[in-house]
Amino acid sequence: MKFGIATFITDQSTRPAPLGRALEERGFDSLLIAEHSHIPAERSTPYPGGGELPDIYYRTLDPFVALAAVAAATQRLLVGTGVALVAQRDPIHTAKEVASLDLISDGRFLFGVGSGWNREEMADHGTDPTTRGRLVNERLRAMIELWTKEQAEFHGEFVDFGPSFAWPKPVRKPYPPIYVGGGRGAFQRVAELGDAWLANSLPPEVLAPQIDEMRAVAGRDVPVTVYAVSGRPEVIEEYAKLDVERVLFYLPSDPEPATLTRLDRLAGVMARFS
């Protein structure tokens, strides 16, 4: 089982490059970071975690800018989005950002994707929340065309462009692995477009039957990465029994001294399972 970190990089947390170096020095294999373009002041969508929306949601850095800094400061660490809100993103621009970051990192990019939960946020991007699932699928298919065809075109319900050239192409072939975030509603997306399922903070006893259900829908043995879990060894042991591919420890968005202390503790947990 592999071990990485899931976090929100903000203007108040550890800067991207020092964070990346600290993770690589301690032997973590990956860093996945969250994305929110903005948070509307008038919001009726409830926070999925319950209660008030944490301050970190308001302060996230652009993930592609932050991960480019991490990639430039590291050599082995996988860098990824956890998750990129595809329902809020122009697919042509995003395809170029993904391919550019994959090139800069020498093929170390993991494209974690999701449809989002904040209806007011996506509405500001012109996205109808009721059709965001179909929109995400179509945008992913359009991006795959741009990554894999010398002259790409796409004609769909939401995305439409004629024959076009788009470089760079990703270093990873045919394109960076797509880690599909979400619950049961995302299983069909995993089946059709995903290389892995990014399960969000599910405890082992809940995750186990959902892995079976997801793989039944996909018709294949899809790898599973569990996003934002605690560092309790007894919980990690249960994930290991489920044979998940990777566990991402949740890292609070703290300044550097507190971050390094927590990373040392998490590295100790990781060492118990190496």
C-alpha atoms as a PDB file:
ATOM      1  CA  MET A   1       0.000   0.000   0.000  1.00  0.00           C
ATOM      2  CA  LYS A   2       1.237   3.484  -0.919  1.00  0.00           C
ATOM      3  CA  PHE A   3       0.949   6.582   1.240  1.00  0.00           C
ATOM      4  CA  GLY A   4       0.385  10.184   0.244  1.00  0.00           C
ATOM      5  CA  ILE A   5      -1.026  13.438   1.537  1.00  0.00           C
ATOM      6  CA  ALA A   6      -4.333  15.201   0.858  1.00  0.00           C
ATOM      7  CA  THR A   7      -4.581  18.865   1.788  1.00  0.00           C
ATOM      8  CA  PHE A   8      -5.781  22.359   0.955  1.00  0.00           C
ATOM      9  CA  ILE A   9      -2.872  24.625   0.023  1.00  0.00           C
ATOM     10  CA  THR A  10      -3.867  28.154   1.004  1.00  0.00           C
ATOM     11  CA  ASP A  11      -2.292  31.582   1.322  1.00  0.00           C
ATOM     12  CA  GLN A  12      -1.861  30.863   5.047  1.00  0.00           C
ATOM     13  CA  SER A  13      -0.498  27.315   4.926  1.00  0.00           C
ATOM     14  CA  THR A  14       2.958  25.914   4.163  1.00  0.00           C
ATOM     15  CA  ARG A  15       4.109  27.110   0.746  1.00  0.00           C
ATOM     16  CA  PRO A  16       3.940  24.555  -2.083  1.00  0.00           C
ATOM     17  CA  ALA A  17       7.660  24.034  -2.744  1.00  0.00           C
ATOM     18  CA  PRO A  18       8.702  23.475   0.906  1.00  0.00           C
ATOM     19  CA  LEU A  19       5.717  21.184   1.369  1.00  0.00           C
ATOM     20  CA  GLY A  20       6.702  19.094  -1.641  1.00  0.00           C
ATOM     21  CA  ARG A  21      10.295  18.771  -0.470  1.00  0.00           C
ATOM     22  CA  ALA A  22       9.161  17.795   3.033  1.00  0.00           C
ATOM     23  CA  LEU A  23       6.917  15.051   1.643  1.00  0.00           C
ATOM     24  CA  GLU A  24       9.592  13.642  -0.643  1.00  0.00           C
ATOM     25  CA  GLU A  25      12.214  13.678   2.123  1.00  0.00           C
ATOM     26  CA  ARG A  26       9.899  11.626   4.347  1.00  0.00           C
ATOM     27  CA  GLY A  27       9.058   9.061   1.679  1.00  0.00           C
ATOM     28  CA  PHE A  28       5.455   9.941   0.853  1.00  0.00           C
ATOM     29  CA  ASP A  29       4.588   8.970  -2.703  1.00  0.00           C
ATOM     30  CA  SER A  30       2.026  11.634  -3.621  1.00  0.00           C
ATOM     31  CA  LEU A  31       0.363  14.957  -2.888  1.00  0.00           C
ATOM     32  CA  LEU A  32      -3.241  15.693  -3.933  1.00  0.00           C
ATOM     33  CA  ILE A  33      -4.693  19.132  -3.335  1.00  0.00           C
ATOM     34  CA  ALA A  34      -8.210  20.528  -3.332  1.00  0.00           C
ATOM     35  CA  GLU A  35      -9.709  23.179  -5.593  1.00  0.00           C
ATOM     36  CA  HIS A  36     -12.320  25.903  -5.143  1.00  0.00           C
ATOM     37  CA  SER A  37     -12.335  28.882  -7.475  1.00  0.00           C
ATOM     38  CA  HIS A  38     -14.266  31.078  -5.026  1.00  0.00           C
ATOM     39  CA  ILE A  39     -17.020  30.815  -2.420  1.00  0.00           C
ATOM     40  CA  PRO A  40     -20.115  32.951  -3.050  1.00  0.00           C
ATOM     41  CA  ALA A  41     -21.025  35.082  -0.052  1.00  0.00           C
ATOM     42  CA  GLU A  42     -24.686  34.109  -0.445  1.00  0.00           C
ATOM     43  CA  ARG A  43     -24.765  30.324  -0.241  1.00  0.00           C
ATOM     44  CA  SER A  44     -27.647  27.977   0.496  1.00  0.00           C
ATOM     45  CA  THR A  45     -25.890  24.713  -0.395  1.00  0.00           C
ATOM     46  CA  PRO A  46     -25.049  22.973   2.897  1.00  0.00           C
ATOM     47  CA  TYR A  47     -21.454  21.998   3.580  1.00  0.00           C
ATOM     48  CA  PRO A  48     -21.247  18.187   3.148  1.00  0.00           C
ATOM     49  CA  GLY A  49     -19.153  17.887   6.289  1.00  0.00           C
ATOM     50  CA  GLY A  50     -21.835  19.596   8.373  1.00  0.00           C
ATOM     51  CA  GLY A  51     -21.739  22.892  10.227  1.00  0.00           C
ATOM     52  CA  GLU A  52     -19.954  26.009   9.013  1.00  0.00           C
ATOM     53  CA  LEU A  53     -17.793  25.899   5.919  1.00  0.00           C
ATOM     54  CA  PRO A  54     -14.137  25.813   7.056  1.00  0.00           C
ATOM     55  CA  ASP A  55     -12.018  28.846   6.254  1.00  0.00           C
ATOM     56  CA  ILE A  56      -9.663  26.827   4.026  1.00  0.00           C
ATOM     57  CA  TYR A  57     -12.370  26.553   1.354  1.00  0.00           C
ATOM     58  CA  TYR A  58     -12.211  30.315   0.880  1.00  0.00           C
ATOM     59  CA  ARG A  59      -8.437  30.476   0.565  1.00  0.00           C
ATOM     60  CA  THR A  60      -7.275  27.712  -1.788  1.00  0.00           C
ATOM     61  CA  LEU A  61      -4.512  28.425  -4.287  1.00  0.00           C
ATOM     62  CA  ASP A  62      -5.022  27.518  -7.917  1.00  0.00           C
ATOM     63  CA  PRO A  63      -4.088  23.824  -7.955  1.00  0.00           C
ATOM     64  CA  PHE A  64      -2.152  23.838 -11.221  1.00  0.00           C
ATOM     65  CA  VAL A  65      -0.005  26.805 -10.182  1.00  0.00           C
ATOM     66  CA  ALA A  66       0.639  25.279  -6.760  1.00  0.00           C
ATOM     67  CA  LEU A  67       1.435  21.827  -8.141  1.00  0.00           C
ATOM     68  CA  ALA A  68       3.815  23.273 -10.735  1.00  0.00           C
ATOM     69  CA  ALA A  69       5.807  24.754  -7.839  1.00  0.00           C
ATOM     70  CA  VAL A  70       5.749  21.388  -6.047  1.00  0.00           C
ATOM     71  CA  ALA A  71       6.826  19.527  -9.179  1.00  0.00           C
ATOM     72  CA  ALA A  72       9.735  21.901  -9.762  1.00  0.00           C
ATOM     73  CA  ALA A  73      10.964  21.341  -6.196  1.00  0.00           C
ATOM     74  CA  THR A  74      10.770  17.517  -6.269  1.00  0.00           C
ATOM     75  CA  GLN A  75      11.925  14.593  -8.381  1.00  0.00           C
ATOM     76  CA  ARG A  76       9.812  11.567  -7.434  1.00  0.00           C
ATOM     77  CA  LEU A  77       6.667  12.861  -5.742  1.00  0.00           C
ATOM     78  CA  LEU A  78       3.419  12.339  -7.659  1.00  0.00           C
ATOM     79  CA  VAL A  79       1.392  15.557  -7.835  1.00  0.00           C
ATOM     80  CA  GLY A  80      -2.342  15.611  -8.340  1.00  0.00           C
ATOM     81  CA  THR A  81      -5.658  17.360  -8.012  1.00  0.00           C
ATOM     82  CA  GLY A  82      -7.962  16.131  -5.307  1.00  0.00           C
ATOM     83  CA  VAL A  83     -10.175  17.093  -6.982  1.00  0.00           C
ATOM     84  CA  ALA A  84     -10.274  19.426  -9.972  1.00  0.00           C
ATOM     85  CA  LEU A  85     -13.831  20.700 -10.337  1.00  0.00           C
ATOM     86  CA  VAL A  86     -14.310  19.830 -13.990  1.00  0.00           C
ATOM     87  CA  ALA A  87     -17.906  21.082 -13.980  1.00  0.00           C
ATOM     88  CA  GLN A  88     -16.506  24.582 -13.420  1.00  0.00           C
ATOM     89  CA  ARG A  89     -13.601  24.401 -15.882  1.00  0.00           C
ATOM     90  CA  ASP A  90     -13.207  25.167 -19.555  1.00  0.00           C
ATOM     91  CA  PRO A  91     -12.093  21.837 -21.062  1.00  0.00           C
ATOM     92  CA  ILE A  92      -9.684  23.316 -23.620  1.00  0.00           C
ATOM     93  CA  HIS A  93      -7.821  25.373 -21.029  1.00  0.00           C
ATOM     94  CA  THR A  94      -7.863  22.487 -18.556  1.00  0.00           C
ATOM     95  CA  ALA A  95      -6.519  20.035 -21.126  1.00  0.00           C
ATOM     96  CA  LYS A  96      -3.565  22.369 -21.709  1.00  0.00           C
ATOM     97  CA  GLU A  97      -2.976  22.844 -17.968  1.00  0.00           C
ATOM     98  CA  VAL A  98      -2.996  19.083 -17.367  1.00  0.00           C
ATOM     99  CA  ALA A  99      -0.636  18.381 -20.260  1.00  0.00           C
ATOM    100  CA  SER A 100       1.671  21.256 -19.282  1.00  0.00           C
ATOM    101  CA  LEU A 101       1.909  20.099 -15.667  1.00  0.00           C
ATOM    102  CA  ASP A 102       2.472  16.515 -16.762  1.00  0.00           C
ATOM    103  CA  LEU A 103       5.330  17.745 -18.966  1.00  0.00           C
ATOM    104  CA  ILE A 104       6.866  19.915 -16.225  1.00  0.00           C
ATOM    105  CA  SER A 105       6.702  17.035 -13.748  1.00  0.00           C
ATOM    106  CA  ASP A 106       8.082  14.448 -16.193  1.00  0.00           C
ATOM    107  CA  GLY A 107       4.886  12.400 -16.117  1.00  0.00           C
ATOM    108  CA  ARG A 108       4.133  12.625 -12.389  1.00  0.00           C
ATOM    109  CA  PHE A 109       0.648  14.122 -12.600  1.00  0.00           C
ATOM    110  CA  LEU A 110      -2.524  12.412 -11.323  1.00  0.00           C
ATOM    111  CA  PHE A 111      -5.744  14.001 -12.576  1.00  0.00           C
ATOM    112  CA  GLY A 112      -8.249  13.711  -9.738  1.00  0.00           C
ATOM    113  CA  VAL A 113     -11.647  14.913 -10.943  1.00  0.00           C
ATOM    114  CA  GLY A 114     -15.062  15.607  -9.489  1.00  0.00           C
ATOM    115  CA  SER A 115     -18.352  17.314 -10.226  1.00  0.00           C
ATOM    116  CA  GLY A 116     -18.447  19.464  -7.072  1.00  0.00           C
ATOM    117  CA  TRP A 117     -21.054  20.097  -4.380  1.00  0.00           C
ATOM    118  CA  ASN A 118     -21.367  23.901  -4.081  1.00  0.00           C
ATOM    119  CA  ARG A 119     -24.247  24.800  -6.366  1.00  0.00           C
ATOM    120  CA  GLU A 120     -23.768  28.549  -6.056  1.00  0.00           C
ATOM    121  CA  GLU A 121     -20.090  28.246  -6.923  1.00  0.00           C
ATOM    122  CA  MET A 122     -20.750  26.228 -10.069  1.00  0.00           C
ATOM    123  CA  ALA A 123     -23.664  28.477 -11.083  1.00  0.00           C
ATOM    124  CA  ASP A 124     -21.254  31.433 -11.171  1.00  0.00           C
ATOM    125  CA  HIS A 125     -19.324  29.481 -13.800  1.00  0.00           C
ATOM    126  CA  GLY A 126     -22.464  29.108 -15.905  1.00  0.00           C
ATOM    127  CA  THR A 127     -22.959  25.477 -14.883  1.00  0.00           C
ATOM    128  CA  ASP A 128     -26.418  24.044 -14.313  1.00  0.00           C
ATOM    129  CA  PRO A 129     -26.076  21.880 -11.186  1.00  0.00           C
ATOM    130  CA  THR A 130     -28.744  19.465 -12.450  1.00  0.00           C
ATOM    131  CA  THR A 131     -26.704  18.471 -15.522  1.00  0.00           C
ATOM    132  CA  ARG A 132     -23.201  18.674 -14.063  1.00  0.00           C
ATOM    133  CA  GLY A 133     -22.642  14.905 -14.207  1.00  0.00           C
ATOM    134  CA  ARG A 134     -23.196  14.758 -17.970  1.00  0.00           C
ATOM    135  CA  LEU A 135     -21.136  17.925 -18.359  1.00  0.00           C
ATOM    136  CA  VAL A 136     -18.158  16.453 -16.500  1.00  0.00           C
ATOM    137  CA  ASN A 137     -18.231  13.272 -18.580  1.00  0.00           C
ATOM    138  CA  GLU A 138     -18.359  15.204 -21.823  1.00  0.00           C
ATOM    139  CA  ARG A 139     -15.578  17.579 -20.852  1.00  0.00           C
ATOM    140  CA  LEU A 140     -13.362  14.637 -19.887  1.00  0.00           C
ATOM    141  CA  ARG A 141     -14.000  12.990 -23.246  1.00  0.00           C
ATOM    142  CA  ALA A 142     -13.169  16.249 -25.022  1.00  0.00           C
ATOM    143  CA  MET A 143      -9.914  16.550 -23.084  1.00  0.00           C
ATOM    144  CA  ILE A 144      -8.960  12.991 -23.993  1.00  0.00           C
ATOM    145  CA  GLU A 145      -9.403  13.897 -27.659  1.00  0.00           C
ATOM    146  CA  LEU A 146      -7.114  16.909 -27.230  1.00  0.00           C
ATOM    147  CA  TRP A 147      -4.463  14.828 -25.455  1.00  0.00           C
ATOM    148  CA  THR A 148      -4.473  11.896 -27.843  1.00  0.00           C
ATOM    149  CA  LYS A 149      -5.157  13.317 -31.318  1.00  0.00           C
ATOM    150  CA  GLU A 150      -2.820  15.465 -33.355  1.00  0.00           C
ATOM    151  CA  GLN A 151      -5.856  17.184 -34.817  1.00  0.00           C
ATOM    152  CA  ALA A 152      -8.734  16.943 -32.373  1.00  0.00           C
ATOM    153  CA  GLU A 153     -12.381  17.858 -32.651  1.00  0.00           C
ATOM    154  CA  PHE A 154     -15.421  17.300 -30.483  1.00  0.00           C
ATOM    155  CA  HIS A 155     -19.133  17.806 -31.003  1.00  0.00           C
ATOM    156  CA  GLY A 156     -21.382  17.157 -28.034  1.00  0.00           C
ATOM    157  CA  GLU A 157     -24.237  18.475 -25.959  1.00  0.00           C
ATOM    158  CA  PHE A 158     -22.066  20.883 -23.936  1.00  0.00           C
ATOM    159  CA  VAL A 159     -18.686  20.944 -25.690  1.00  0.00           C
ATOM    160  CA  ASP A 160     -18.286  21.759 -29.343  1.00  0.00           C
ATOM    161  CA  PHE A 161     -15.136  22.612 -31.281  1.00  0.00           C
ATOM    162  CA  GLY A 162     -13.916  21.904 -34.787  1.00  0.00           C
ATOM    163  CA  PRO A 163     -10.585  20.433 -35.914  1.00  0.00           C
ATOM    164  CA  SER A 164      -7.906  21.929 -33.664  1.00  0.00           C
ATOM    165  CA  PHE A 165      -4.250  21.584 -32.747  1.00  0.00           C
ATOM    166  CA  ALA A 166      -3.323  21.540 -29.059  1.00  0.00           C
ATOM    167  CA  TRP A 167       0.117  21.075 -27.564  1.00  0.00           C
ATOM    168  CA  PRO A 168       1.834  20.014 -25.433  1.00  0.00           C
ATOM    169  CA  LYS A 169       0.691  16.429 -25.315  1.00  0.00           C
ATOM    170  CA  PRO A 170       1.012  14.653 -21.950  1.00  0.00           C
ATOM    171  CA  VAL A 171       4.230  12.802 -21.180  1.00  0.00           C
ATOM    172  CA  ARG A 172       2.258   9.924 -19.650  1.00  0.00           C
ATOM    173  CA  LYS A 173       0.688   7.858 -22.408  1.00  0.00           C
ATOM    174  CA  PRO A 174      -1.995   7.860 -23.477  1.00  0.00           C
ATOM    175  CA  TYR A 175      -2.661  10.579 -20.858  1.00  0.00           C
ATOM    176  CA  PRO A 176      -2.337  11.093 -17.075  1.00  0.00           C
ATOM    177  CA  PRO A 177      -4.414   8.655 -15.027  1.00  0.00           C
ATOM    178  CA  ILE A 178      -7.894   9.924 -14.202  1.00  0.00           C
ATOM    179  CA  TYR A 179      -8.796   9.418 -10.542  1.00  0.00           C
ATOM    180  CA  VAL A 180     -12.559   9.766 -10.277  1.00  0.00           C
ATOM    181  CA  GLY A 181     -13.794  11.258  -7.023  1.00  0.00           C
ATOM    182  CA  GLY A 182     -17.291  10.818  -5.633  1.00  0.00           C
ATOM    183  CA  GLY A 183     -19.600   8.181  -4.217  1.00  0.00           C
ATOM    184  CA  ARG A 184     -21.973   5.735  -5.839  1.00  0.00           C
ATOM    185  CA  GLY A 185     -23.123   8.379  -8.301  1.00  0.00           C
ATOM    186  CA  ALA A 186     -19.622   8.411  -9.787  1.00  0.00           C
ATOM    187  CA  PHE A 187     -19.274   4.651 -10.307  1.00  0.00           C
ATOM    188  CA  GLN A 188     -20.411   4.788 -13.916  1.00  0.00           C
ATOM    189  CA  ARG A 189     -17.857   7.552 -14.565  1.00  0.00           C
ATOM    190  CA  VAL A 190     -15.209   5.304 -13.046  1.00  0.00           C
ATOM    191  CA  ALA A 191     -16.310   2.529 -15.387  1.00  0.00           C
ATOM    192  CA  GLU A 192     -16.266   4.647 -18.529  1.00  0.00           C
ATOM    193  CA  LEU A 193     -13.482   7.145 -17.944  1.00  0.00           C
ATOM    194  CA  GLY A 194     -11.561   6.340 -14.768  1.00  0.00           C
ATOM    195  CA  ASP A 195      -8.233   4.701 -14.080  1.00  0.00           C
ATOM    196  CA  ALA A 196      -8.888   4.671 -10.316  1.00  0.00           C
ATOM    197  CA  TRP A 197     -11.579   5.509  -7.779  1.00  0.00           C
ATOM    198  CA  LEU A 198     -10.788   8.314  -5.328  1.00  0.00           C
ATOM    199  CA  ALA A 199     -12.934   7.481  -2.317  1.00  0.00           C
ATOM    200  CA  ASN A 200     -13.473  10.477  -0.051  1.00  0.00           C
ATOM    201  CA  SER A 201     -12.746   9.746   3.623  1.00  0.00           C
ATOM    202  CA  LEU A 202     -14.865   6.588   3.769  1.00  0.00           C
ATOM    203  CA  PRO A 203     -14.194   4.454   6.873  1.00  0.00           C
ATOM    204  CA  PRO A 204     -13.095   0.881   6.107  1.00  0.00           C
ATOM    205  CA  GLU A 205     -16.390  -0.741   7.083  1.00  0.00           C
ATOM    206  CA  VAL A 206     -18.272   1.539   4.677  1.00  0.00           C
ATOM    207  CA  LEU A 207     -15.637   1.377   1.953  1.00  0.00           C
ATOM    208  CA  ALA A 208     -15.464  -2.422   1.707  1.00  0.00           C
ATOM    209  CA  PRO A 209     -18.935  -3.072   0.194  1.00  0.00           C
ATOM    210  CA  GLN A 210     -18.656   0.019  -2.000  1.00  0.00           C
ATOM    211  CA  ILE A 211     -15.408  -1.246  -3.531  1.00  0.00           C
ATOM    212  CA  ASP A 212     -17.217  -4.428  -4.523  1.00  0.00           C
ATOM    213  CA  GLU A 213     -20.128  -2.434  -5.920  1.00  0.00           C
ATOM    214  CA  MET A 214     -17.866  -0.061  -7.840  1.00  0.00           C
ATOM    215  CA  ARG A 215     -15.871  -2.890  -9.398  1.00  0.00           C
ATOM    216  CA  ALA A 216     -19.050  -4.699 -10.352  1.00  0.00           C
ATOM    217  CA  VAL A 217     -20.228  -1.589 -12.205  1.00  0.00           C
ATOM    218  CA  ALA A 218     -16.818  -1.125 -13.836  1.00  0.00           C
ATOM    219  CA  GLY A 219     -16.423  -4.779 -14.750  1.00  0.00           C
ATOM    220  CA  ARG A 220     -12.755  -4.733 -13.781  1.00  0.00           C
ATOM    221  CA  ASP A 221     -10.410  -4.531 -10.788  1.00  0.00           C
ATOM    222  CA  VAL A 222     -10.211  -0.735 -10.476  1.00  0.00           C
ATOM    223  CA  PRO A 223      -7.524   0.544  -8.055  1.00  0.00           C
ATOM    224  CA  VAL A 224      -8.751   2.512  -5.035  1.00  0.00           C
ATOM    225  CA  THR A 225      -7.165   5.522  -3.346  1.00  0.00           C
ATOM    226  CA  VAL A 226      -8.749   6.696  -0.091  1.00  0.00           C
ATOM    227  CA  TYR A 227      -8.704  10.476   0.285  1.00  0.00           C
ATOM    228  CA  ALA A 228      -8.175  12.404   3.533  1.00  0.00           C
ATOM    229  CA  VAL A 229      -7.967   9.735   6.222  1.00  0.00           C
ATOM    230  CA  SER A 230      -6.706   9.984   9.797  1.00  0.00           C
ATOM    231  CA  GLY A 231      -3.326   8.692  10.863  1.00  0.00           C
ATOM    232  CA  ARG A 232      -4.665   6.142  13.351  1.00  0.00           C
ATOM    233  CA  PRO A 233      -2.687   2.914  12.832  1.00  0.00           C
ATOM    234  CA  GLU A 234      -5.656   0.667  13.622  1.00  0.00           C
ATOM    235  CA  VAL A 235      -7.660   2.332  10.823  1.00  0.00           C
ATOM    236  CA  ILE A 236      -4.768   2.084   8.367  1.00  0.00           C
ATOM    237  CA  GLU A 237      -4.543  -1.616   9.186  1.00  0.00           C
ATOM    238  CA  GLU A 238      -8.146  -2.068   8.072  1.00  0.00           C
ATOM    239  CA  TYR A 239      -7.479  -0.257   4.800  1.00  0.00           C
ATOM    240  CA  ALA A 240      -4.512  -2.553   4.223  1.00  0.00           C
ATOM    241  CA  LYS A 241      -6.797  -5.566   4.623  1.00  0.00           C
ATOM    242  CA  LEU A 242      -8.989  -4.148   1.847  1.00  0.00           C
ATOM    243  CA  ASP A 243      -5.944  -4.047  -0.458  1.00  0.00           C
ATOM    244  CA  VAL A 244      -6.468  -0.418  -1.412  1.00  0.00           C
ATOM    245  CA  GLU A 245      -3.737   0.965  -3.639  1.00  0.00           C
ATOM    246  CA  ARG A 246      -3.092   4.149  -1.683  1.00  0.00           C
ATOM    247  CA  VAL A 247      -4.071   5.975   1.483  1.00  0.00           C
ATOM    248  CA  LEU A 248      -3.898   9.780   1.558  1.00  0.00           C
ATOM    249  CA  PHE A 249      -3.451  11.163   5.063  1.00  0.00           C
ATOM    250  CA  TYR A 250      -5.309  14.421   5.677  1.00  0.00           C
ATOM    251  CA  LEU A 251      -2.904  17.280   6.402  1.00  0.00           C
ATOM    252  CA  PRO A 252      -4.342  20.444   8.010  1.00  0.00           C
ATOM    253  CA  SER A 253      -3.459  23.708   6.268  1.00  0.00           C
ATOM    254  CA  ASP A 254      -1.037  24.953   8.912  1.00  0.00           C
ATOM    255  CA  PRO A 255       2.129  27.065   8.749  1.00  0.00           C
ATOM    256  CA  GLU A 256       5.370  25.208   8.164  1.00  0.00           C
ATOM    257  CA  PRO A 257       6.482  24.373  11.749  1.00  0.00           C
ATOM    258  CA  ALA A 258       3.211  22.655  12.630  1.00  0.00           C
ATOM    259  CA  THR A 259       3.117  20.970   9.234  1.00  0.00           C
ATOM    260  CA  LEU A 260       6.557  19.439   9.637  1.00  0.00           C
ATOM    261  CA  THR A 261       5.723  18.136  13.104  1.00  0.00           C
ATOM    262  CA  ARG A 262       2.568  16.468  11.819  1.00  0.00           C
ATOM    263  CA  LEU A 263       4.370  15.031   8.792  1.00  0.00           C
ATOM    264  CA  ASP A 264       6.973  13.456  11.071  1.00  0.00           C
ATOM    265  CA  ARG A 265       4.186  11.758  13.010  1.00  0.00           C
ATOM    266  CA  LEU A 266       2.445  10.544   9.842  1.00  0.00           C
ATOM    267  CA  ALA A 267       5.747   9.283   8.460  1.00  0.00           C
ATOM    268  CA  GLY A 268       6.079   7.185  11.588  1.00  0.00           C
ATOM    269  CA  VAL A 269       2.663   5.666  10.972  1.00  0.00           C
ATOM    270  CA  MET A 270       3.580   5.013   7.330  1.00  0.00           C
ATOM    271  CA  ALA A 271       6.791   3.269   8.388  1.00  0.00           C
ATOM    272  CA  ARG A 272       4.796   0.705  10.363  1.00  0.00           C
ATOM    273  CA  PHE A 273       3.239  -0.549   7.120  1.00  0.00           C
ATOM    274  CA  SER A 274       6.283  -0.398   4.832  1.00  0.00           C
END
